[in-house]
N, C-alpha and C. Protein backbone atom coordinates (compact mmCIF):
# COMPACT_ATOMS: atom_id res chain seq x y z
N MET A 1 249.18 71.63 33.49
CA MET A 1 248.26 72.04 34.23
C MET A 1 248.67 71.63 36.00
N LEU A 2 248.58 72.46 36.97
CA LEU A 2 248.78 71.93 38.46
C LEU A 2 247.07 72.41 39.11
N ILE A 3 246.41 70.93 39.39
CA ILE A 3 245.17 71.24 40.10
C ILE A 3 245.14 70.93 41.78
N VAL A 4 245.00 72.52 42.50
CA VAL A 4 245.29 72.18 43.72
C VAL A 4 243.96 72.17 44.46
N PHE A 5 243.80 71.06 45.25
CA PHE A 5 242.34 71.11 46.16
C PHE A 5 242.59 71.32 47.80
N ASP A 6 241.84 72.04 48.43
CA ASP A 6 241.68 72.14 49.78
C ASP A 6 241.33 70.92 50.08
N MET A 7 241.58 70.27 51.44
CA MET A 7 240.42 69.13 51.83
C MET A 7 239.33 69.38 52.43
N ASP A 8 239.71 69.53 53.96
CA ASP A 8 238.17 69.69 54.37
C ASP A 8 237.34 70.70 53.83
N GLY A 9 236.02 70.04 53.61
CA GLY A 9 234.98 71.35 53.42
C GLY A 9 234.82 70.90 51.84
N VAL A 10 236.09 70.54 51.04
CA VAL A 10 235.66 70.16 49.86
C VAL A 10 235.45 68.42 49.21
N PHE A 11 236.71 67.98 49.94
CA PHE A 11 236.71 66.14 49.78
C PHE A 11 235.77 65.62 51.03
N ILE A 12 235.69 66.40 52.03
CA ILE A 12 234.94 65.77 53.23
C ILE A 12 233.57 67.29 53.24
N GLU A 13 232.49 67.18 53.87
CA GLU A 13 231.43 67.87 53.98
C GLU A 13 231.84 68.84 55.39
N GLU A 14 232.55 68.39 56.48
CA GLU A 14 232.67 69.01 57.66
C GLU A 14 233.85 69.83 57.43
N ARG A 15 234.11 71.29 57.46
CA ARG A 15 234.96 72.15 57.28
C ARG A 15 236.53 71.92 58.05
N SER A 16 236.62 70.78 58.99
CA SER A 16 237.72 70.68 59.83
C SER A 16 237.69 68.99 59.99
N SER A 17 238.86 68.46 59.54
CA SER A 17 238.93 67.13 59.86
C SER A 17 239.59 67.05 61.29
N TRP A 18 239.93 67.95 62.03
CA TRP A 18 240.26 67.97 63.58
C TRP A 18 239.20 68.04 64.32
N LYS A 19 238.20 68.79 63.87
CA LYS A 19 236.74 69.09 64.44
C LYS A 19 235.86 67.42 64.49
N ILE A 20 235.95 66.78 63.48
CA ILE A 20 235.88 65.62 63.70
C ILE A 20 235.81 64.41 64.65
N ILE A 21 237.34 64.70 64.82
CA ILE A 21 237.65 64.25 66.12
C ILE A 21 237.24 64.74 67.34
N HIS A 22 236.90 65.70 67.61
CA HIS A 22 236.38 66.57 68.60
C HIS A 22 234.63 66.08 69.09
N LYS A 23 234.41 66.25 67.70
CA LYS A 23 232.63 65.84 67.83
C LYS A 23 232.37 64.39 68.34
N ALA A 24 233.36 63.53 67.58
CA ALA A 24 233.11 61.91 68.05
C ALA A 24 233.40 61.93 69.33
N PHE A 25 234.30 62.62 70.37
CA PHE A 25 234.48 62.46 71.60
C PHE A 25 234.22 63.50 72.57
N GLY A 26 233.39 64.47 72.13
CA GLY A 26 232.70 65.43 72.94
C GLY A 26 233.82 66.37 73.31
N ILE A 27 234.86 66.65 72.60
CA ILE A 27 236.06 67.68 73.19
C ILE A 27 235.57 69.16 72.67
N ASP A 28 235.89 70.02 73.74
CA ASP A 28 235.61 71.43 73.39
C ASP A 28 236.69 72.02 73.48
N ASN A 29 237.36 72.79 72.15
CA ASN A 29 238.53 73.19 71.99
C ASN A 29 238.61 74.83 71.65
N SER A 30 237.33 75.20 72.13
CA SER A 30 236.68 76.41 71.38
C SER A 30 238.13 77.70 72.12
N ASP A 31 238.29 77.43 73.63
CA ASP A 31 239.33 78.23 73.97
C ASP A 31 240.55 78.20 73.18
N ILE A 32 240.97 77.25 73.02
CA ILE A 32 242.09 77.14 71.90
C ILE A 32 242.06 78.14 70.81
N VAL A 33 240.85 77.94 70.05
CA VAL A 33 240.43 78.44 68.89
C VAL A 33 240.58 79.78 69.24
N GLU A 34 240.15 80.46 70.21
CA GLU A 34 240.00 81.78 70.09
C GLU A 34 241.35 82.50 70.60
N LEU A 35 242.20 81.77 71.47
CA LEU A 35 243.47 82.01 71.52
C LEU A 35 244.45 82.29 70.06
N TYR A 36 244.13 81.25 69.05
CA TYR A 36 244.52 81.55 68.02
C TYR A 36 244.17 82.53 67.08
N LYS A 37 242.88 82.77 67.23
CA LYS A 37 242.41 84.08 66.18
C LYS A 37 242.67 84.85 66.57
N LYS A 38 243.25 85.29 68.01
CA LYS A 38 243.54 86.49 68.57
C LYS A 38 245.02 86.60 68.64
N GLY A 39 245.67 85.47 67.82
CA GLY A 39 247.18 85.67 67.52
C GLY A 39 248.39 85.18 69.01
N LEU A 40 247.35 84.89 70.02
CA LEU A 40 248.10 84.48 71.17
C LEU A 40 248.82 83.29 70.85
N ILE A 41 248.79 82.38 70.38
CA ILE A 41 249.30 81.32 70.12
C ILE A 41 249.44 80.85 68.52
N ASN A 42 250.45 80.19 68.20
CA ASN A 42 250.75 80.02 66.58
C ASN A 42 250.18 78.67 66.32
N ASP A 43 250.33 78.62 65.09
CA ASP A 43 249.54 77.04 64.48
C ASP A 43 250.27 75.58 65.18
N LYS A 44 251.52 75.56 65.29
CA LYS A 44 252.09 74.24 66.29
C LYS A 44 251.69 74.65 67.26
N GLU A 45 251.48 75.67 68.16
CA GLU A 45 251.02 75.74 69.62
C GLU A 45 249.59 75.13 69.41
N PHE A 46 249.11 75.38 68.74
CA PHE A 46 247.51 75.12 68.57
C PHE A 46 247.28 73.80 68.59
N LEU A 47 248.25 72.89 67.46
CA LEU A 47 248.13 71.52 67.22
C LEU A 47 248.65 71.03 68.51
N ASP A 48 249.58 71.30 69.15
CA ASP A 48 250.07 70.50 70.49
C ASP A 48 248.96 70.82 71.41
N ARG A 49 248.43 71.71 71.68
CA ARG A 49 247.59 72.00 73.05
C ARG A 49 246.09 71.23 72.47
N ASP A 50 245.83 70.92 71.06
CA ASP A 50 244.68 70.41 70.91
C ASP A 50 244.87 68.71 71.24
N ILE A 51 245.86 68.24 70.45
CA ILE A 51 246.31 66.75 70.79
C ILE A 51 246.51 66.60 72.21
N GLU A 52 247.00 67.41 73.09
CA GLU A 52 247.05 67.17 74.39
C GLU A 52 245.67 66.84 75.07
N ARG A 53 244.71 67.64 74.43
CA ARG A 53 243.40 67.35 75.04
C ARG A 53 242.73 65.86 74.78
N TRP A 54 243.30 65.51 73.46
CA TRP A 54 243.07 64.57 73.05
C TRP A 54 243.38 63.40 73.98
N ARG A 55 244.64 63.31 74.08
CA ARG A 55 245.67 62.33 74.85
C ARG A 55 245.08 62.09 76.43
N ASN A 56 244.44 63.25 76.73
CA ASN A 56 244.15 63.31 78.09
C ASN A 56 242.67 62.95 78.18
N ASN A 57 241.90 62.97 77.06
CA ASN A 57 240.49 62.14 77.09
C ASN A 57 240.94 60.55 76.64
N GLY A 58 241.92 59.79 76.62
CA GLY A 58 242.17 58.65 76.58
C GLY A 58 242.05 58.16 74.84
N ILE A 59 242.61 59.18 73.80
CA ILE A 59 242.26 58.95 72.44
C ILE A 59 243.31 58.17 72.10
N LYS A 60 243.31 57.28 71.42
CA LYS A 60 244.61 56.41 70.52
C LYS A 60 244.75 56.41 69.04
N ARG A 61 245.65 55.82 68.46
CA ARG A 61 245.89 55.75 67.09
C ARG A 61 244.92 55.25 66.63
N LYS A 62 244.31 54.25 66.86
CA LYS A 62 243.23 53.53 66.19
C LYS A 62 241.99 53.98 66.54
N ASP A 63 241.80 54.97 67.33
CA ASP A 63 240.27 55.47 67.21
C ASP A 63 240.44 56.69 66.10
N ILE A 64 241.48 57.52 66.11
CA ILE A 64 241.65 58.72 65.22
C ILE A 64 241.45 57.72 63.63
N GLU A 65 242.28 56.63 63.37
CA GLU A 65 242.12 55.84 62.18
C GLU A 65 240.74 55.70 61.90
N LYS A 66 240.18 55.00 62.69
CA LYS A 66 238.76 54.56 62.72
C LYS A 66 237.63 55.51 62.13
N ILE A 67 237.58 56.67 62.85
CA ILE A 67 236.83 57.51 62.45
C ILE A 67 237.39 58.46 60.99
N LEU A 68 238.46 58.67 60.85
CA LEU A 68 238.89 59.25 59.64
C LEU A 68 238.72 58.36 58.37
N TYR A 69 238.92 56.86 58.62
CA TYR A 69 238.67 55.90 57.39
C TYR A 69 236.98 56.02 57.11
N SER A 70 236.38 56.22 58.25
CA SER A 70 234.85 55.87 57.81
C SER A 70 233.93 57.52 57.27
N VAL A 71 234.74 58.24 57.58
CA VAL A 71 233.98 59.75 56.97
C VAL A 71 233.68 59.78 55.53
N PRO A 72 232.54 59.94 55.23
CA PRO A 72 232.02 60.04 53.91
C PRO A 72 232.73 61.03 53.12
N ILE A 73 233.47 60.55 51.97
CA ILE A 73 233.85 61.35 50.69
C ILE A 73 232.86 62.09 50.06
N THR A 74 233.07 63.02 49.77
CA THR A 74 232.11 63.86 48.78
C THR A 74 231.60 63.12 47.31
N ASN A 75 230.81 63.26 46.88
CA ASN A 75 230.16 62.53 45.76
C ASN A 75 230.96 63.04 44.78
N GLY A 76 231.53 62.47 43.78
CA GLY A 76 231.95 62.52 42.75
C GLY A 76 233.82 62.57 42.56
N ALA A 77 234.36 62.58 44.14
CA ALA A 77 235.43 62.56 44.21
C ALA A 77 236.31 61.92 43.07
N GLU A 78 236.42 60.38 43.40
CA GLU A 78 236.93 59.49 42.72
C GLU A 78 236.91 59.87 40.87
N GLU A 79 236.03 60.32 40.57
CA GLU A 79 235.41 60.48 38.97
C GLU A 79 236.19 61.49 38.65
N CYS A 80 236.07 62.72 39.43
CA CYS A 80 236.78 63.88 39.34
C CYS A 80 237.96 63.99 39.01
N ILE A 81 238.62 63.22 40.43
CA ILE A 81 240.28 63.15 39.89
C ILE A 81 240.96 62.41 38.88
N LYS A 82 240.00 61.24 38.71
CA LYS A 82 240.76 60.56 37.47
C LYS A 82 240.34 61.38 36.11
N PHE A 83 239.38 62.14 35.72
CA PHE A 83 239.33 63.49 34.77
C PHE A 83 240.57 64.48 35.06
N LEU A 84 240.84 64.72 36.19
CA LEU A 84 241.46 65.57 36.04
C LEU A 84 243.04 65.07 35.86
N LYS A 85 243.46 63.92 36.28
CA LYS A 85 244.84 63.01 35.94
C LYS A 85 245.38 63.60 34.71
N ARG A 86 244.06 63.46 33.55
CA ARG A 86 244.44 63.43 32.18
C ARG A 86 244.50 64.76 31.94
N ILE A 87 244.52 65.92 32.59
CA ILE A 87 245.05 67.13 32.40
C ILE A 87 245.83 67.59 32.97
N GLY A 88 246.43 67.22 34.08
CA GLY A 88 248.01 67.61 34.82
C GLY A 88 247.98 66.74 36.20
N LYS A 89 248.72 67.58 36.98
CA LYS A 89 249.32 66.93 38.30
C LYS A 89 247.87 67.68 39.31
N ILE A 90 247.84 66.76 40.48
CA ILE A 90 246.95 67.19 41.48
C ILE A 90 247.81 67.24 42.77
N ALA A 91 247.06 68.15 43.60
CA ALA A 91 247.74 68.02 44.96
C ALA A 91 246.89 68.71 45.96
N ILE A 92 247.03 68.07 47.09
CA ILE A 92 246.16 68.84 48.49
C ILE A 92 246.91 69.39 49.24
N ILE A 93 246.44 70.63 49.27
CA ILE A 93 247.15 71.69 50.55
C ILE A 93 246.31 71.89 51.31
N SER A 94 246.36 71.31 52.79
CA SER A 94 245.15 71.52 53.59
C SER A 94 245.98 71.17 55.34
N GLY A 95 245.11 72.25 55.74
CA GLY A 95 245.39 72.09 57.05
C GLY A 95 245.11 71.05 58.20
N GLY A 96 244.28 70.18 57.33
CA GLY A 96 243.77 69.19 57.96
C GLY A 96 244.52 67.84 58.30
N ILE A 97 244.14 66.54 58.36
CA ILE A 97 244.86 65.59 58.97
C ILE A 97 245.63 64.92 58.00
N ASP A 98 246.93 64.55 57.90
CA ASP A 98 247.25 63.82 56.96
C ASP A 98 246.55 62.29 56.47
N ILE A 99 246.30 61.54 57.93
CA ILE A 99 245.47 60.19 57.73
C ILE A 99 244.28 60.19 56.93
N LEU A 100 243.86 61.42 56.99
CA LEU A 100 242.50 61.59 55.76
C LEU A 100 243.29 61.58 54.64
N ALA A 101 244.04 62.68 54.43
CA ALA A 101 244.75 63.10 53.00
C ALA A 101 245.04 61.88 52.27
N LYS A 102 245.77 60.91 53.05
CA LYS A 102 246.51 59.81 52.35
C LYS A 102 245.60 58.74 51.82
N ARG A 103 244.16 58.85 52.65
CA ARG A 103 243.09 57.89 52.06
C ARG A 103 242.76 58.43 50.61
N ILE A 104 242.42 59.58 50.77
CA ILE A 104 242.02 60.28 49.56
C ILE A 104 242.68 60.33 48.37
N ALA A 105 244.30 60.70 48.68
CA ALA A 105 245.27 60.37 47.74
C ALA A 105 245.23 58.92 46.71
N LYS A 106 244.75 58.00 47.60
CA LYS A 106 244.44 56.78 46.94
C LYS A 106 243.83 56.67 45.54
N PHE A 107 242.83 57.96 45.34
CA PHE A 107 242.06 58.20 44.17
C PHE A 107 243.07 58.49 43.04
N GLY A 108 244.24 59.09 43.28
CA GLY A 108 244.95 59.43 42.33
C GLY A 108 246.10 61.00 42.65
N ILE A 109 245.71 61.30 43.89
CA ILE A 109 246.54 62.53 44.24
C ILE A 109 247.80 62.35 43.77
N ASP A 110 248.71 63.52 43.50
CA ASP A 110 250.23 63.43 43.15
C ASP A 110 250.55 63.77 44.23
N TYR A 111 250.14 64.84 44.83
CA TYR A 111 250.75 65.80 46.17
C TYR A 111 250.48 66.11 47.32
N ILE A 112 250.65 65.51 48.39
CA ILE A 112 249.89 65.68 49.38
C ILE A 112 250.84 66.73 50.70
N TYR A 113 249.97 67.93 50.94
CA TYR A 113 250.52 68.39 52.18
C TYR A 113 249.55 68.92 53.22
N ALA A 114 249.61 67.80 54.10
CA ALA A 114 248.73 68.07 55.24
C ALA A 114 249.32 68.27 56.64
N ASN A 115 248.68 68.50 57.77
CA ASN A 115 249.26 68.16 58.78
C ASN A 115 249.00 66.98 59.39
N GLY A 116 250.45 66.97 60.51
CA GLY A 116 250.29 65.19 61.16
C GLY A 116 250.04 65.28 62.42
N ILE A 117 250.23 64.03 63.25
CA ILE A 117 250.08 63.72 64.37
C ILE A 117 251.47 62.86 64.92
N GLU A 118 252.07 63.31 65.74
CA GLU A 118 253.38 62.47 66.21
C GLU A 118 252.51 61.79 67.02
N PHE A 119 253.06 60.30 67.46
CA PHE A 119 252.20 59.43 68.33
C PHE A 119 253.82 58.46 69.09
N LYS A 120 253.31 58.39 70.10
CA LYS A 120 254.46 57.61 70.90
C LYS A 120 253.54 56.47 71.68
N ASN A 121 253.92 55.24 71.07
CA ASN A 121 253.27 54.24 71.81
C ASN A 121 251.71 54.29 71.52
N GLU A 122 251.57 54.45 70.32
CA GLU A 122 250.11 54.65 69.72
C GLU A 122 249.36 55.90 70.11
N ILE A 123 249.73 56.69 71.09
CA ILE A 123 249.19 57.59 71.65
C ILE A 123 249.27 58.99 71.17
N PRO A 124 248.60 59.74 70.96
CA PRO A 124 248.83 61.13 69.99
C PRO A 124 249.65 61.95 71.02
N TRP A 125 250.71 62.57 70.88
CA TRP A 125 251.54 63.34 71.27
C TRP A 125 251.89 64.87 71.05
N LYS A 126 252.31 64.82 69.44
CA LYS A 126 252.69 66.41 69.03
C LYS A 126 251.83 66.32 67.73
N GLY A 127 251.81 67.63 67.49
CA GLY A 127 251.62 68.16 66.05
C GLY A 127 252.49 68.03 65.01
N ILE A 128 252.58 68.02 63.85
CA ILE A 128 253.20 67.81 62.97
C ILE A 128 252.91 68.76 62.08
N LEU A 129 253.47 70.22 61.97
CA LEU A 129 253.19 71.32 61.15
C LEU A 129 253.58 71.25 59.70
N ARG A 130 252.95 71.04 58.89
CA ARG A 130 253.49 71.39 57.34
C ARG A 130 252.67 72.36 56.68
N VAL A 131 251.53 72.56 56.87
CA VAL A 131 250.76 73.75 56.51
C VAL A 131 250.14 74.43 57.37
N PRO A 132 250.74 75.79 57.66
CA PRO A 132 250.08 76.83 58.59
C PRO A 132 248.99 77.30 57.71
N LEU A 133 248.00 77.07 58.32
CA LEU A 133 246.44 77.79 58.05
C LEU A 133 246.54 79.13 57.06
N LYS A 134 247.32 80.06 57.93
CA LYS A 134 247.35 81.41 57.13
C LYS A 134 248.54 81.22 56.09
N GLU A 135 249.25 80.36 55.66
CA GLU A 135 250.12 80.44 54.95
C GLU A 135 250.33 79.37 53.65
N LYS A 136 249.16 78.80 53.54
CA LYS A 136 249.00 77.70 52.39
C LYS A 136 249.89 78.12 51.22
N ASN A 137 249.56 79.55 50.79
CA ASN A 137 250.23 80.41 49.59
C ASN A 137 251.59 79.94 49.62
N LYS A 138 252.39 79.93 50.57
CA LYS A 138 253.74 79.40 50.66
C LYS A 138 254.05 77.99 50.16
N ILE A 139 253.18 77.32 50.44
CA ILE A 139 253.42 76.09 49.87
C ILE A 139 253.11 75.90 48.51
N LEU A 140 251.98 76.49 48.27
CA LEU A 140 251.35 76.44 46.61
C LEU A 140 252.74 76.89 45.94
N GLU A 141 253.34 78.16 46.32
CA GLU A 141 254.28 78.86 45.71
C GLU A 141 255.74 77.79 45.68
N ASN A 142 256.06 77.12 46.36
CA ASN A 142 257.20 76.16 46.62
C ASN A 142 256.77 75.10 45.70
N LEU A 143 255.40 74.50 45.65
CA LEU A 143 255.35 73.57 44.72
C LEU A 143 255.31 74.09 43.10
N MET A 144 254.76 75.32 42.79
CA MET A 144 254.53 75.50 41.64
C MET A 144 256.24 75.73 41.17
N LYS A 145 257.18 76.48 41.84
CA LYS A 145 258.33 76.31 41.42
C LYS A 145 259.17 75.05 41.25
N LYS A 146 258.82 74.21 42.26
CA LYS A 146 259.44 72.62 42.03
C LYS A 146 258.74 72.09 40.61
N LEU A 147 257.56 72.28 40.26
CA LEU A 147 257.01 71.96 38.65
C LEU A 147 257.23 72.82 37.72
N GLY A 148 257.99 73.97 38.09
CA GLY A 148 258.06 75.10 36.93
C GLY A 148 256.83 75.28 36.29
N LYS A 149 255.75 75.53 37.01
CA LYS A 149 254.24 76.01 36.95
C LYS A 149 253.99 77.74 37.17
N GLU A 150 253.53 78.33 36.02
CA GLU A 150 253.43 79.63 35.95
C GLU A 150 251.96 79.78 36.41
N ARG A 151 251.35 80.92 37.06
CA ARG A 151 250.50 81.36 37.33
C ARG A 151 249.09 80.81 36.80
N GLU A 152 249.32 81.02 35.31
CA GLU A 152 248.23 80.66 34.39
C GLU A 152 247.90 79.12 34.27
N GLU A 153 248.92 78.44 34.92
CA GLU A 153 248.94 76.83 34.79
C GLU A 153 248.41 76.32 35.85
N VAL A 154 247.65 77.18 36.64
CA VAL A 154 247.26 76.94 38.52
C VAL A 154 245.76 76.74 38.46
N VAL A 155 245.43 75.89 39.12
CA VAL A 155 243.90 76.12 39.41
C VAL A 155 243.48 75.77 40.85
N VAL A 156 242.98 76.35 41.66
CA VAL A 156 242.72 76.13 43.16
C VAL A 156 241.31 76.16 43.21
N ILE A 157 241.02 74.97 44.13
CA ILE A 157 239.88 74.40 44.70
C ILE A 157 239.55 74.58 46.15
N GLY A 158 238.95 75.72 46.71
CA GLY A 158 238.71 75.72 48.14
C GLY A 158 237.25 76.33 48.53
N ASP A 159 237.24 76.42 50.08
CA ASP A 159 236.19 76.57 50.54
C ASP A 159 235.94 77.82 51.50
N THR A 160 237.13 78.12 52.09
CA THR A 160 236.88 79.42 53.34
C THR A 160 237.86 80.34 52.94
N LYS A 161 237.96 81.21 53.74
CA LYS A 161 239.05 82.25 53.91
C LYS A 161 240.37 81.95 53.85
N TYR A 162 240.70 80.86 54.03
CA TYR A 162 241.93 80.51 54.28
C TYR A 162 242.57 79.96 53.16
N ASP A 163 241.83 79.76 51.98
CA ASP A 163 242.18 79.67 50.73
C ASP A 163 242.44 80.69 49.68
N LEU A 164 242.10 81.86 50.32
CA LEU A 164 241.85 83.14 49.53
C LEU A 164 243.37 83.53 49.05
N CYS A 165 244.41 83.20 49.97
CA CYS A 165 245.90 83.30 49.66
C CYS A 165 246.42 82.40 48.74
N MET A 166 245.60 81.13 48.47
CA MET A 166 246.08 80.32 47.08
C MET A 166 245.30 81.03 46.16
N PHE A 167 244.16 81.58 46.23
CA PHE A 167 243.21 81.59 45.07
C PHE A 167 243.95 83.34 44.28
N LYS A 168 244.65 83.82 45.23
CA LYS A 168 245.63 85.05 45.00
C LYS A 168 246.48 84.69 43.57
N ILE A 169 247.14 83.51 43.98
CA ILE A 169 248.32 83.34 43.13
C ILE A 169 248.19 82.26 41.83
N ALA A 170 246.64 81.88 41.68
CA ALA A 170 246.01 80.77 40.64
C ALA A 170 245.59 81.62 39.79
N GLY A 171 245.70 80.97 38.63
CA GLY A 171 244.98 81.52 37.36
C GLY A 171 243.80 81.61 37.04
N ILE A 172 243.35 80.31 37.79
CA ILE A 172 241.71 80.03 38.14
C ILE A 172 241.51 79.46 39.56
N SER A 173 240.31 80.23 40.09
CA SER A 173 239.94 79.60 41.67
C SER A 173 238.41 79.52 41.36
N ILE A 174 238.54 78.22 42.17
CA ILE A 174 237.06 77.76 42.28
C ILE A 174 236.61 77.57 43.73
N ALA A 175 235.57 78.40 43.97
CA ALA A 175 234.80 77.94 45.38
C ALA A 175 234.11 76.92 45.46
N PHE A 176 234.13 75.66 46.34
CA PHE A 176 233.34 74.84 46.46
C PHE A 176 232.60 74.78 47.52
N ASN A 177 231.13 74.82 47.42
CA ASN A 177 230.25 75.33 48.58
C ASN A 177 230.95 76.00 49.61
N PRO A 178 231.19 77.14 49.27
CA PRO A 178 231.89 77.98 50.10
C PRO A 178 231.08 78.70 51.48
N THR A 179 231.84 79.42 52.09
CA THR A 179 231.60 80.34 53.21
C THR A 179 231.40 81.62 52.30
N GLU A 180 230.24 82.43 52.97
CA GLU A 180 229.82 83.46 52.46
C GLU A 180 230.93 84.34 51.88
N GLU A 181 231.83 84.57 52.92
CA GLU A 181 232.79 85.82 52.96
C GLU A 181 233.49 85.46 51.70
N ILE A 182 233.75 84.57 51.17
CA ILE A 182 234.34 84.19 49.74
C ILE A 182 233.78 83.81 48.51
N ALA A 183 232.39 83.67 48.55
CA ALA A 183 231.78 83.41 47.40
C ALA A 183 231.64 84.41 46.33
N ASN A 184 231.97 85.58 46.63
CA ASN A 184 232.10 86.60 45.52
C ASN A 184 233.40 87.00 45.16
N LYS A 185 234.47 86.14 45.64
CA LYS A 185 236.14 86.48 45.34
C LYS A 185 236.73 85.47 44.65
N THR A 186 235.88 84.73 43.77
CA THR A 186 236.37 83.58 43.03
C THR A 186 235.98 83.84 41.61
N ASP A 187 236.73 82.98 40.48
CA ASP A 187 236.35 83.09 39.14
C ASP A 187 235.05 82.01 39.02
N TYR A 188 234.99 81.09 39.84
CA TYR A 188 233.56 79.86 39.65
C TYR A 188 233.33 79.57 40.98
N VAL A 189 231.92 79.43 41.18
CA VAL A 189 231.38 78.75 42.48
C VAL A 189 230.71 77.92 42.09
N ILE A 190 230.52 76.71 43.01
CA ILE A 190 230.08 75.50 42.72
C ILE A 190 229.23 75.47 44.37
N LYS A 191 227.86 75.20 43.75
CA LYS A 191 226.95 75.32 45.24
C LYS A 191 226.52 73.85 45.57
N LYS A 192 226.43 72.91 44.49
CA LYS A 192 226.17 71.81 44.69
C LYS A 192 227.09 70.76 45.16
N ARG A 193 226.72 70.19 46.41
CA ARG A 193 227.73 68.90 46.82
C ARG A 193 228.13 67.88 46.06
N ASP A 194 228.91 67.88 44.62
CA ASP A 194 229.08 67.15 44.06
C ASP A 194 230.31 67.46 43.37
N LEU A 195 231.34 66.62 43.00
CA LEU A 195 232.88 67.36 42.47
C LEU A 195 232.43 66.84 41.34
N ASN A 196 231.28 66.02 40.67
CA ASN A 196 231.44 65.88 39.15
C ASN A 196 230.58 67.37 38.76
N GLU A 197 230.41 68.30 39.38
CA GLU A 197 230.39 69.75 38.79
C GLU A 197 231.53 70.30 38.39
N LEU A 198 232.80 69.97 39.11
CA LEU A 198 234.09 70.60 38.87
C LEU A 198 234.31 69.97 37.38
N ILE A 199 234.29 68.96 36.76
CA ILE A 199 234.41 68.10 35.58
C ILE A 199 233.80 68.91 34.38
N HIS A 200 232.38 69.65 35.00
CA HIS A 200 231.81 70.53 33.82
C HIS A 200 232.70 71.78 33.68
N ILE A 201 232.68 72.35 34.73
CA ILE A 201 233.95 73.76 34.57
C ILE A 201 234.95 73.31 33.43
N PHE A 202 235.80 72.25 33.74
CA PHE A 202 236.88 72.24 33.00
C PHE A 202 236.39 71.82 31.75
N GLU A 203 235.48 70.88 31.43
CA GLU A 203 235.12 70.40 29.99
C GLU A 203 234.90 72.16 29.33
N ASN A 204 233.71 72.85 30.06
CA ASN A 204 233.69 74.07 29.31
C ASN A 204 234.65 74.89 29.17
N TYR A 205 235.53 74.86 30.00
CA TYR A 205 236.76 75.63 30.25
C TYR A 205 238.15 75.46 29.05
């Protein structure tokens, strides 16, 4: 079995690890978000413009790492991953920051697909695009092919509309503290912010 997690909003409460940096330094990127939503810039341009704003605010690698290393992880994350390791392989497919994904992966995640930051002399310079926000399904499809997994062997856990494309190609979809727009589009819904609830679903299944 292959169990795939979105990261932001699932392993952490904030639905965007990028937004954590914005909040910490009082950076407003709402104009960039609007351009992206209107299709006027693509994922890579979005990342680059965002990171340029960080750079202009004097943010360095150590600042980003300090913040992401201190973000509280969702209750039950380590226990849940240990339980699922007995069932199959575990992956993160996220538009979030890979620094945080690598921290979570130490609990036992097998595969990480997340976006990154290119640094020059410890200064954030460009974005590293690995997971286009609206095309997570392509990453999942490639991983399924690599592992020889069929739809029936795949479980996806996510929380927003950007996970719907993965839900559609999974055998089981689980919404974890989801936005209202996807709450009725999955097989299971977990409303309690505790990943131990996921263990109960698998035990019953």
